[in-house]
Protein backbone atom coordinates (compact mmCIF):
# COMPACT_ATOMS: atom_id res chain seq x y z
CA MET A 1 115.73 173.91 16.92
CA ASN A 2 116.04 170.40 16.29
CA ALA A 3 113.70 167.63 17.60
CA GLU A 4 116.19 166.61 20.07
CA SER A 5 116.27 170.03 21.76
CA VAL A 6 112.57 170.05 21.63
CA HIS A 7 112.36 166.70 23.41
CA VAL A 8 115.13 168.01 26.19
CA GLY A 9 113.06 171.09 26.60
CA ARG A 10 109.78 169.24 27.02
CA SER A 11 111.58 166.93 29.63
CA ARG A 12 112.88 169.90 31.43
CA ALA A 13 109.82 171.49 31.63
CA SER A 14 107.83 168.35 32.63
CA SER A 15 110.45 167.95 35.41
CA TYR A 16 109.83 171.43 36.49
CA ILE A 17 106.25 171.14 36.69
CA GLN A 18 106.73 167.59 38.72
CA SER A 19 109.06 169.38 41.28
CA THR A 20 106.85 172.37 41.59
CA MET A 21 103.74 170.35 42.03
CA LEU A 22 105.50 168.31 44.75
CA SER A 23 107.03 171.10 46.54
CA ALA A 24 103.18 172.45 46.46
CA MET A 25 102.06 168.98 47.99
CA LEU A 26 104.54 169.04 50.74
CA GLU A 27 103.59 172.33 51.87
CA SER A 28 100.09 171.66 52.12
CA ALA A 29 100.70 168.44 53.59
CA PRO A 30 100.34 168.24 57.45
CA ILE A 31 103.42 168.56 59.64
CA LEU A 32 104.01 168.11 63.23
CA ALA A 33 105.48 171.26 65.31
CA LYS A 34 109.19 170.75 65.46
CA ASP A 35 109.29 170.62 69.14
CA ASN A 36 106.74 167.97 69.20
CA GLU A 37 108.18 165.83 66.43
CA HIS A 38 109.56 163.25 69.11
CA ARG A 39 106.71 163.23 71.41
CA VAL A 40 103.89 162.31 68.77
CA ASP A 41 104.41 158.79 67.42
CA LEU A 42 102.60 158.43 63.92
CA ARG A 43 104.27 155.06 62.95
CA HIS A 44 100.97 153.10 63.57
CA ALA A 45 98.80 155.24 61.86
CA HIS A 46 96.96 153.30 59.24
CA ASN A 47 95.94 155.87 56.85
CA PRO A 48 97.81 159.27 56.48
CA CYS A 49 96.64 162.00 59.22
CA THR A 50 94.60 164.67 58.20
CA SER A 51 95.74 168.33 59.19
CA ALA A 52 92.80 168.26 61.79
CA GLU A 53 94.48 165.27 63.32
CA ILE A 54 98.17 166.47 63.38
CA ASP A 55 96.43 169.72 64.66
CA SER A 56 94.77 167.77 67.38
CA CYS A 57 98.20 165.96 67.97
CA ASN A 58 100.23 169.34 68.41
CA SER A 59 97.37 170.72 70.76
CA ALA A 60 97.32 167.28 73.52
CA VAL A 61 101.38 167.39 73.80
CA ARG A 62 101.56 171.13 74.20
CA GLY A 63 100.79 171.21 77.88
CA SER A 64 103.96 169.70 79.30
CA ILE A 65 107.18 168.55 78.22
CA HIS A 66 106.63 165.15 79.65
CA THR A 67 103.35 164.65 77.48
CA HIS A 68 103.73 162.01 74.85
CA MET A 69 101.18 160.39 72.13
CA LYS A 70 101.02 157.48 69.76
CA VAL A 71 98.34 157.39 67.44
CA LEU A 72 96.53 154.04 67.11
CA PRO A 73 95.62 152.35 63.63
CA ASN A 74 91.86 153.38 64.04
CA HIS A 75 92.81 157.20 64.58
CA HIS A 76 90.02 159.61 63.10
CA VAL A 77 88.07 162.80 63.86
CA GLY A 78 84.66 161.75 65.07
CA THR A 79 81.24 163.75 64.68
CA ASP A 80 82.17 165.39 68.12
CA ALA A 81 84.97 167.18 65.99
CA GLU A 82 87.71 165.57 68.83
CA LEU A 83 90.80 163.28 67.78
CA HIS A 84 90.09 159.54 68.60
CA GLY A 85 92.68 156.38 68.59
CA TYR A 86 95.27 157.27 70.46
CA TYR A 87 97.30 156.57 73.46
CA PHE A 88 98.46 159.45 75.64
CA SER A 89 100.86 159.32 78.50
CA CYS A 90 102.17 161.98 80.60
CA SER A 91 103.82 162.52 84.31
CA PRO A 92 101.97 162.08 87.42
CA GLU A 93 103.20 165.19 88.60
CA ASP A 94 101.98 167.31 85.65
CA THR A 95 98.45 169.22 86.14
CA ALA A 96 95.47 166.99 85.51
CA SER A 97 94.80 169.90 82.73
CA VAL A 98 97.11 168.21 80.14
CA LEU A 99 94.80 165.10 80.35
CA PRO A 100 93.01 164.76 76.94
CA MET A 101 89.78 163.52 78.87
CA ASP A 102 86.58 162.48 77.20
CA ARG A 103 82.94 162.55 77.93
CA ARG A 104 82.48 159.22 77.83
CA MET A 105 85.33 158.04 80.11
CA PHE A 106 84.94 153.78 80.77
CA ASP A 107 83.03 153.31 77.78
CA MET A 108 83.48 149.80 77.46
CA ILE A 109 82.35 146.29 76.05
CA SER A 110 81.52 143.43 78.13
CA MET A 111 80.43 139.88 76.70
CA TYR A 112 78.65 137.37 78.89
CA GLU A 113 78.58 133.55 78.07
CA CYS A 114 75.30 131.58 78.18
CA VAL A 115 75.74 128.52 80.16
CA ASP A 116 74.88 125.20 78.14
CA ASP A 117 74.56 121.89 79.85
CA GLU A 118 74.56 119.74 76.77
CA GLU A 119 78.27 119.95 75.80
CA LYS A 120 77.56 117.49 72.79
CA GLN A 121 75.06 119.89 71.02
CA ALA A 122 76.17 121.01 67.55
CA PHE A 123 74.08 124.07 67.95
CA SER A 124 73.25 125.67 71.12
CA PRO A 125 69.37 125.18 71.94
CA CYS A 126 68.64 128.40 73.03
CA ALA A 127 70.46 129.94 69.86
CA LEU A 128 67.92 127.78 68.01
CA LYS A 129 64.80 128.85 69.75
CA ILE A 130 65.87 132.60 69.27
CA VAL A 131 66.04 131.96 65.90
CA ASN A 132 63.00 130.19 65.47
CA GLU A 133 61.20 133.31 67.15
CA LEU A 134 63.36 136.08 66.00
CA ALA A 135 60.52 138.65 65.48
CA HIS A 136 59.09 137.90 69.07
CA TYR A 137 62.77 138.48 70.43
CA LYS A 138 63.22 141.50 68.43
CA GLU A 139 60.19 142.68 69.74
CA VAL A 140 61.02 141.90 73.59
CA LEU A 141 64.56 143.56 73.25
CA ARG A 142 62.56 146.79 72.04
CA LYS A 143 60.26 146.81 74.95
CA TYR A 144 63.15 146.29 77.32
CA ALA A 145 65.02 149.50 75.72
CA ASP A 146 61.57 151.60 76.21
CA GLU A 147 61.30 150.53 79.55
CA LEU A 148 64.73 151.51 80.57
CA ARG A 149 64.20 155.02 78.74
CA GLU A 150 60.90 155.93 80.50
CA ASN A 151 61.94 154.44 83.76
CA PRO A 152 61.20 157.32 86.25
CA MET A 153 63.85 156.14 88.72
CA MET A 154 67.05 158.24 88.15
CA PRO A 155 70.32 156.76 86.64
CA ALA A 156 73.41 156.45 88.26
CA ARG A 157 75.23 159.86 89.21
CA PHE A 158 77.69 160.90 91.87
CA ASP A 159 74.83 161.38 94.48
CA CYS A 160 74.79 157.41 94.84
CA ILE A 161 78.24 157.23 96.12
CA ALA A 162 78.17 155.75 99.68
CA ASP A 163 78.63 157.69 102.68
CA GLN A 164 82.24 157.04 103.91
CA ASN A 165 81.72 158.46 107.17
CA VAL A 166 79.42 155.42 107.71
CA PHE A 167 81.13 152.06 109.27
CA VAL A 168 79.83 148.82 109.37
CA GLY A 169 79.55 146.76 112.32
CA GLY A 170 82.01 149.19 113.90
CA ALA A 171 84.96 147.66 111.81
CA SER A 172 87.42 149.91 110.06
CA SER A 173 86.01 148.86 106.40
CA TYR A 174 83.25 151.35 104.97
CA ASP A 175 80.00 150.74 103.87
CA SER A 176 80.01 150.24 100.05
CA VAL A 177 76.14 150.09 99.49
CA ASP A 178 74.81 153.02 97.38
CA ALA A 179 73.54 155.89 98.96
CA ARG A 180 70.40 155.73 96.68
CA GLU A 181 68.65 153.13 94.25
CA TRP A 182 69.65 153.88 90.45
CA LYS A 183 67.99 152.32 87.14
CA PRO A 184 70.35 150.90 84.79
CA GLU A 185 71.33 153.05 82.18
CA LEU A 186 70.57 152.35 78.43
CA PRO A 187 73.66 151.31 76.73
CA MET A 188 74.78 152.16 73.48
CA LYS A 189 74.76 148.50 71.97
CA MET A 190 73.11 145.63 73.41
CA GLY A 191 71.94 142.12 72.25
CA VAL A 192 72.59 138.37 72.10
CA TYR A 193 75.15 137.19 70.01
CA HIS A 194 76.94 133.76 68.83
CA THR A 195 80.01 132.18 67.63
CA PHE A 196 81.58 128.79 66.75
CA THR A 197 85.01 127.99 68.81
CA ARG A 198 87.64 125.31 68.87
CA SER A 199 88.55 123.32 71.90
CA SER A 200 91.99 123.73 73.14
CA SER A 201 93.12 120.59 71.53
CA LYS A 202 91.76 122.31 68.39
CA THR A 203 89.95 118.62 67.74
CA THR A 204 86.23 119.79 68.24
CA ARG A 205 84.36 122.93 67.80
CA LYS A 206 81.49 124.20 69.75
CA HIS A 207 78.61 126.53 69.46
CA LYS A 208 78.33 129.63 72.04
CA LEU A 209 75.77 132.10 72.78
CA PHE A 210 76.89 135.63 74.47
CA VAL A 211 75.08 138.80 75.77
CA VAL A 212 77.32 141.77 74.71
CA ILE A 213 76.60 145.30 76.17
CA SER A 214 78.64 148.33 74.94
CA GLY A 215 78.75 151.94 76.21
CA PRO A 216 79.61 154.63 79.06
CA LEU A 217 77.49 155.28 81.96
CA THR A 218 76.42 158.44 80.29
CA GLN A 219 75.39 161.16 82.91
CA ALA A 220 78.04 160.11 85.73
CA ALA A 221 80.88 160.17 82.89
CA GLU A 222 79.54 163.58 81.99
CA GLU A 223 79.59 164.76 85.73
CA LEU A 224 83.48 163.21 85.87
CA HIS A 225 84.34 165.52 82.68
CA ASN A 226 82.86 168.49 84.37
CA LEU A 227 84.40 167.66 88.01
CA TRP A 228 88.05 167.75 85.84
CA GLN A 229 87.10 170.53 83.88
CA ASP A 230 86.59 172.39 87.38
CA SER A 231 89.67 171.39 89.18
CA ALA A 232 92.10 170.17 86.37
CA ALA A 233 94.58 173.46 86.95
CA HIS A 234 94.22 172.87 90.65
CA MET A 235 95.37 168.95 91.00
CA SER A 236 97.78 166.88 89.84
CA CYS A 237 97.19 163.68 87.59
CA LYS A 238 98.21 161.40 90.34
CA ASP A 239 95.46 162.67 93.04
CA PHE A 240 93.00 163.23 89.88
CA LEU A 241 93.61 159.05 89.53
CA GLN A 242 93.17 158.56 93.12
CA CYS A 243 89.78 160.70 93.55
CA GLU A 244 86.61 158.78 94.78
CA GLU A 245 84.53 159.99 91.73
CA LEU A 246 86.48 158.46 89.11
CA ASN A 247 87.25 155.15 90.73
CA TRP A 248 83.20 154.55 91.61
CA LEU A 249 82.58 155.51 87.98
CA ARG A 250 84.76 152.72 86.76
CA THR A 251 82.95 150.12 89.02
CA THR A 252 79.65 151.34 88.50
CA THR A 253 80.06 150.97 84.75
CA HIS A 254 80.90 147.23 85.00
CA ARG A 255 77.62 146.82 87.45
CA ASN A 256 75.55 148.85 84.89
CA HIS A 257 76.51 146.21 82.24
CA ASN A 258 76.16 143.41 84.68
CA ARG A 259 72.61 144.54 85.48
CA VAL A 260 71.32 145.00 81.95
CA ALA A 261 73.11 141.30 81.04
CA SER A 262 71.45 139.82 83.81
CA ASP A 263 67.96 141.18 82.68
CA ILE A 264 68.24 140.31 79.17
CA GLY A 265 69.67 136.80 80.12
CA VAL A 266 66.18 136.66 82.05
CA LEU A 267 64.12 137.96 79.22
CA PHE A 268 65.49 135.65 76.51
CA GLY A 269 65.48 132.21 78.81
CA MET A 270 69.20 132.19 78.83
CA LYS A 271 70.83 130.04 81.73
CA MET A 272 73.25 132.52 83.09
CA ASN A 273 74.74 132.41 86.52
CA HIS A 274 73.05 135.41 88.05
CA VAL A 275 73.78 136.59 91.57
CA ALA A 276 72.37 139.27 93.82
CA ASP A 277 73.84 142.95 93.65
CA THR A 278 75.05 143.46 97.20
CA ASP A 279 75.70 147.16 96.80
CA ASP A 280 72.05 147.53 95.73
CA PRO A 281 70.40 149.27 98.92
CA GLY A 282 66.98 147.92 97.60
CA HIS A 283 68.33 144.22 97.69
CA LYS A 284 66.24 143.81 94.32
CA ARG A 285 68.95 143.39 91.56
CA SER A 286 70.91 140.71 90.15
CA VAL A 287 73.76 140.70 88.01
CA VAL A 288 75.99 138.46 86.28
CA PHE A 289 79.75 138.52 85.62
CA PRO A 290 81.28 139.07 82.42
CA THR A 291 83.71 136.32 80.35
CA THR A 292 85.46 139.33 78.75
CA CYS A 293 85.45 143.21 79.39
CA THR A 294 87.31 145.40 77.17
CA TYR A 295 87.71 149.28 77.27
CA LYS A 296 87.27 151.74 74.62
CA ARG A 297 88.30 154.28 77.11
CA ASP A 298 90.59 153.93 79.97
CA ILE A 299 93.08 155.75 82.33
CA GLY A 300 95.52 154.73 84.71
CA ARG A 301 98.95 154.59 86.03
CA LEU A 302 101.87 152.42 84.82
CA LYS A 303 105.05 152.13 87.18
CA ILE A 304 107.57 149.73 85.98
CA GLY A 305 111.22 150.01 87.83
CA LYS A 306 111.90 153.81 87.59
CA THR A 307 109.24 154.45 84.78
CA ASP A 308 106.26 156.26 86.23
CA VAL A 309 103.46 157.37 84.01
CA VAL A 310 99.78 158.47 83.81
CA ARG A 311 98.09 156.79 80.44
CA LEU A 312 95.23 157.62 78.91
CA VAL A 313 93.72 155.18 75.86
CA ASP A 314 90.88 156.55 73.74
CA SER A 315 89.25 153.91 71.45
CA GLY A 316 91.54 151.47 72.74
CA CYS A 317 92.54 149.36 75.73
CA PHE A 318 95.49 148.55 77.91
CA THR A 319 96.62 144.71 76.75
CA ASP A 320 98.60 144.34 80.19
CA LEU A 321 95.19 144.82 82.23
CA SER A 322 93.38 142.60 79.51
CA ASN A 323 92.73 138.92 79.94
CA ASN A 324 90.69 136.34 78.17
CA GLY A 325 91.01 138.37 74.83
CA VAL A 326 90.31 141.70 73.38
CA LEU A 327 86.95 142.80 71.85
CA PHE A 328 86.89 144.91 68.66
CA GLU A 329 83.79 146.52 67.85
CA MET A 330 82.56 146.68 64.27
CA PHE A 331 79.37 148.14 63.08
CA SER A 332 76.20 146.69 64.31
CA SER A 333 75.42 144.00 61.56
CA GLU A 334 78.87 142.69 61.56
CA GLY A 335 79.00 142.41 65.60
CA TYR A 336 82.25 142.15 67.14
CA TRP A 337 85.85 140.67 66.52
CA LEU A 338 87.37 138.88 69.73
CA PHE A 339 91.31 138.78 68.99
CA GLN A 340 92.52 135.72 71.58
CA GLY A 341 95.59 135.69 73.44
CA PRO A 342 98.11 133.09 73.98
CA ARG A 343 96.96 129.69 75.15
CA ASP A 344 96.17 129.98 79.02
CA PHE A 345 97.03 126.91 81.00
CA ALA A 346 96.69 128.31 84.63
CA ASP A 347 93.81 130.82 84.92
CA ASN A 348 91.36 128.87 82.67
CA ASN A 349 90.59 131.84 80.27
CA ALA A 350 89.17 130.42 77.25
CA HIS A 351 90.52 133.22 74.96
CA GLY A 352 93.87 133.28 76.02
CA SER A 353 96.24 135.42 78.29
CA MET A 354 97.23 138.94 77.95
CA PHE A 355 98.97 139.70 74.72
CA ALA A 356 102.71 139.72 74.40
CA SER A 357 104.85 142.72 75.40
CA THR A 358 106.85 144.51 72.86
CA ASN A 359 108.69 147.74 72.61
CA GLU A 360 105.76 149.66 71.93
CA ALA A 361 102.99 151.03 74.15
CA SER A 362 100.64 148.11 76.00
CA CYS A 363 97.62 149.15 73.81
CA GLN A 364 95.20 147.63 71.16
CA PRO A 365 92.57 149.64 69.14
CA THR A 366 89.16 148.17 70.08
CA SER A 367 86.49 150.06 67.80
CA THR A 368 86.18 150.66 64.05
CA VAL A 369 85.97 153.86 62.68
CA GLN A 370 82.62 155.61 61.53
CA TYR A 371 83.34 158.22 59.02
CA HIS A 372 80.89 161.24 58.03
CA ARG A 373 80.85 163.88 55.43
CA LEU A 374 82.94 166.49 57.38
CA HIS A 375 85.78 164.09 57.95
CA PRO A 376 85.85 161.20 55.17
CA ALA A 377 88.06 158.45 54.91
CA VAL A 378 91.36 159.47 53.18
CA HIS A 379 91.72 156.07 51.60
CA ARG A 380 88.46 154.49 50.13
CA HIS A 381 89.69 151.27 49.65
CA ASN A 382 89.42 149.75 53.02
CA THR A 383 85.89 151.16 53.95
CA VAL A 384 82.50 149.65 53.51
CA ARG A 385 79.14 151.29 53.13
CA VAL A 386 76.85 149.61 55.46
CA GLU A 387 72.78 149.57 55.09
CA SER A 388 70.44 149.54 58.10
CA ASP A 389 69.71 145.93 58.61
CA THR A 390 65.79 145.80 59.34
CA ASN A 391 66.16 142.03 60.10
CA CYS A 392 68.06 142.79 63.27
CA ASP A 393 68.39 146.40 64.17
CA THR A 394 65.59 147.57 66.13
CA SER A 395 66.97 151.05 66.47
CA LEU A 396 64.44 154.02 65.34
CA GLN A 397 66.81 156.13 63.94
CA ALA A 398 65.29 157.60 60.71
CA ASP A 399 68.45 158.73 59.11
CA ASP A 400 70.51 155.84 59.78
CA HIS A 401 70.17 154.31 56.60
CA GLN A 402 73.79 154.49 55.41
CA LYS A 403 77.15 155.24 56.94
CA ASP A 404 80.64 154.36 56.01
CA PHE A 405 83.18 152.39 58.14
CA LEU A 406 86.66 151.42 58.44
CA PHE A 407 86.94 147.61 57.79
CA PRO A 408 90.48 146.04 59.02
CA ASP A 409 92.44 145.02 56.24
CA GLU A 410 95.90 143.28 55.80
CA SER A 411 97.97 146.32 56.63
CA PHE A 412 95.49 146.88 59.81
CA LEU A 413 96.11 143.89 61.36
CA ALA A 414 99.92 143.89 60.50
CA ILE A 415 99.94 146.92 62.78
CA MET A 416 98.29 145.00 65.68
CA GLN A 417 100.98 142.19 65.36
CA GLU A 418 103.42 144.92 66.18
CA LEU A 419 101.29 146.22 69.47
CA GLY A 420 101.33 142.58 70.38
CA PHE A 421 98.67 140.74 68.90
CA ASN A 422 99.76 137.26 67.40
CA ARG A 423 97.45 136.13 64.69
CA ASN A 424 98.61 132.75 65.34
CA ASP A 425 96.31 132.73 68.36
CA GLY A 426 93.19 133.37 66.22
CA MET A 427 90.15 135.50 66.41
CA LEU A 428 86.67 134.89 66.68
CA ASN A 429 83.81 136.44 64.90
CA ILE A 430 80.83 137.11 67.50
CA MET A 431 77.98 137.52 65.05
CA PRO A 432 74.65 139.16 65.96
CA LEU A 433 71.27 137.22 66.54
CA VAL A 434 69.30 139.84 67.96
CA TYR A 435 70.69 143.49 68.88
CA TYR A 436 69.57 146.90 69.97
CA ASN A 437 71.57 150.06 68.69
CA ALA A 438 70.93 153.29 70.51
CA GLU A 439 73.77 155.33 69.18
CA PRO A 440 72.86 158.50 66.72
C-alpha cells in the first residue's frame, strides 16, 4: 500500500468518525415533538434550549391545538424546576387547565421618582445626603424590613376583598374598601436608586433619584394558584380572566408596592407626592404613584379584529400595555436597566411611549437569568459571577456569596430589537444607592 492510499484511507476513516459523532450529537440534541413544531417558536432563544426546556415547551402546548409558545431570550429552568422566560397564548374557550400558571402571578417592578425642586442642581441633594450617611440609611432600610416581617397584622389575602353586596349611598356602584386592614408585604427587592437622564432636546443632563420595589404579593398569589388548581378543569380561560380574585390580586399588588414606596420615601426624607389610600378601612395608609410599572409575570386577553387570544408572559411584559419605558431587573449590585420607548410628545412620559409594533408577539423580557448548578448556562461567555456586595446588600442570606447571572450582550439586545425595542431610543442604568434583597 502506497502513501497515497494510506492518506485516502485515513481521510475516509476521519470522515466516517466525524459523521458518526455528528449523528450522535443530533440524536442526543433536544427536539420538539412533530405535532408541536409549528406551535413552539424557538427563533428568539438567546442560548440553545436544553432538553429540560424543550420538554417543558412540549408539555405546555399539549393541552390544546390552540396553544402557542414563544421562548424569550431570557429562557431558563429556575430553582423551582419550572421553565421561565416565555410568551404563551391560547383560545379564550380553552379550559383554564392549559394555562402554565405560576405561583408568583403579577410579580412586578415599580419605580417611583423623587420630586426635586432644584432644577439646576447637577447632583440630587437628597442623593448626596444618603451617600454621606450611607451606613445610617442601610440600617434604616434593614430595620424597616424587619418591621414588615415581624408585624403581627395579616398580609393581604382573599378575605380582604370588599363585600360586593354593600352599596355606597344607595347608588349602583359597589364599595371598594377592603374588608379588613392588611400590612404591606416585604418585597423581594426594595431600595433607593439613581441615574442621569437627558432632556428631551438632549442638551442637558439631570440627576434623578428613585425608589424601586420588586416582587409579588406572595401569599395572595399562592391563593390564586390554589384556586386555579381547584377550578381549572371546570372553567374556561375567558371565565378565569374575569374572576374577581385575579383582578383583585393585580390591583392589590400595585397598592402594596405603592405603600412600601411611600414608607421608604418618608424614612429617607425624599420628597414624593403622597396621597391617602382611599381603600384602606383604617384610613391610616398613604401611597405614592409610580413613574413606571413593569410586570415580570402577567396574564390578559388580546382582541385585535378577529384575533381573540388569552396570553400569559413569564419573566416578561406586554409591550402594548407598557408606557414610559420597560424595566429590566439585573442582579442586585447592578440594579435595573430601563429600556426607553419612542419619544412621547402627547402624554408627557419622560421615558417614551410604547414600543413599536412588529410581526412578533408584543412582549419583552424583563429580568435576567440566575443560573444554578442543576441547570447551568449553556454558554459561559455571556455570564458573570457576582459576589455579595457588603457595601449595599443588607440581605441576611449566609450562603449568598456567589451567583452566576446572564449579562445581556449584543446578541441579546439584537433579539430585543426584533421584538420591538429601538436602541436609538436609549437605555438608562438605574444604579443602586441602598437596597435590600430578600430573595433566597
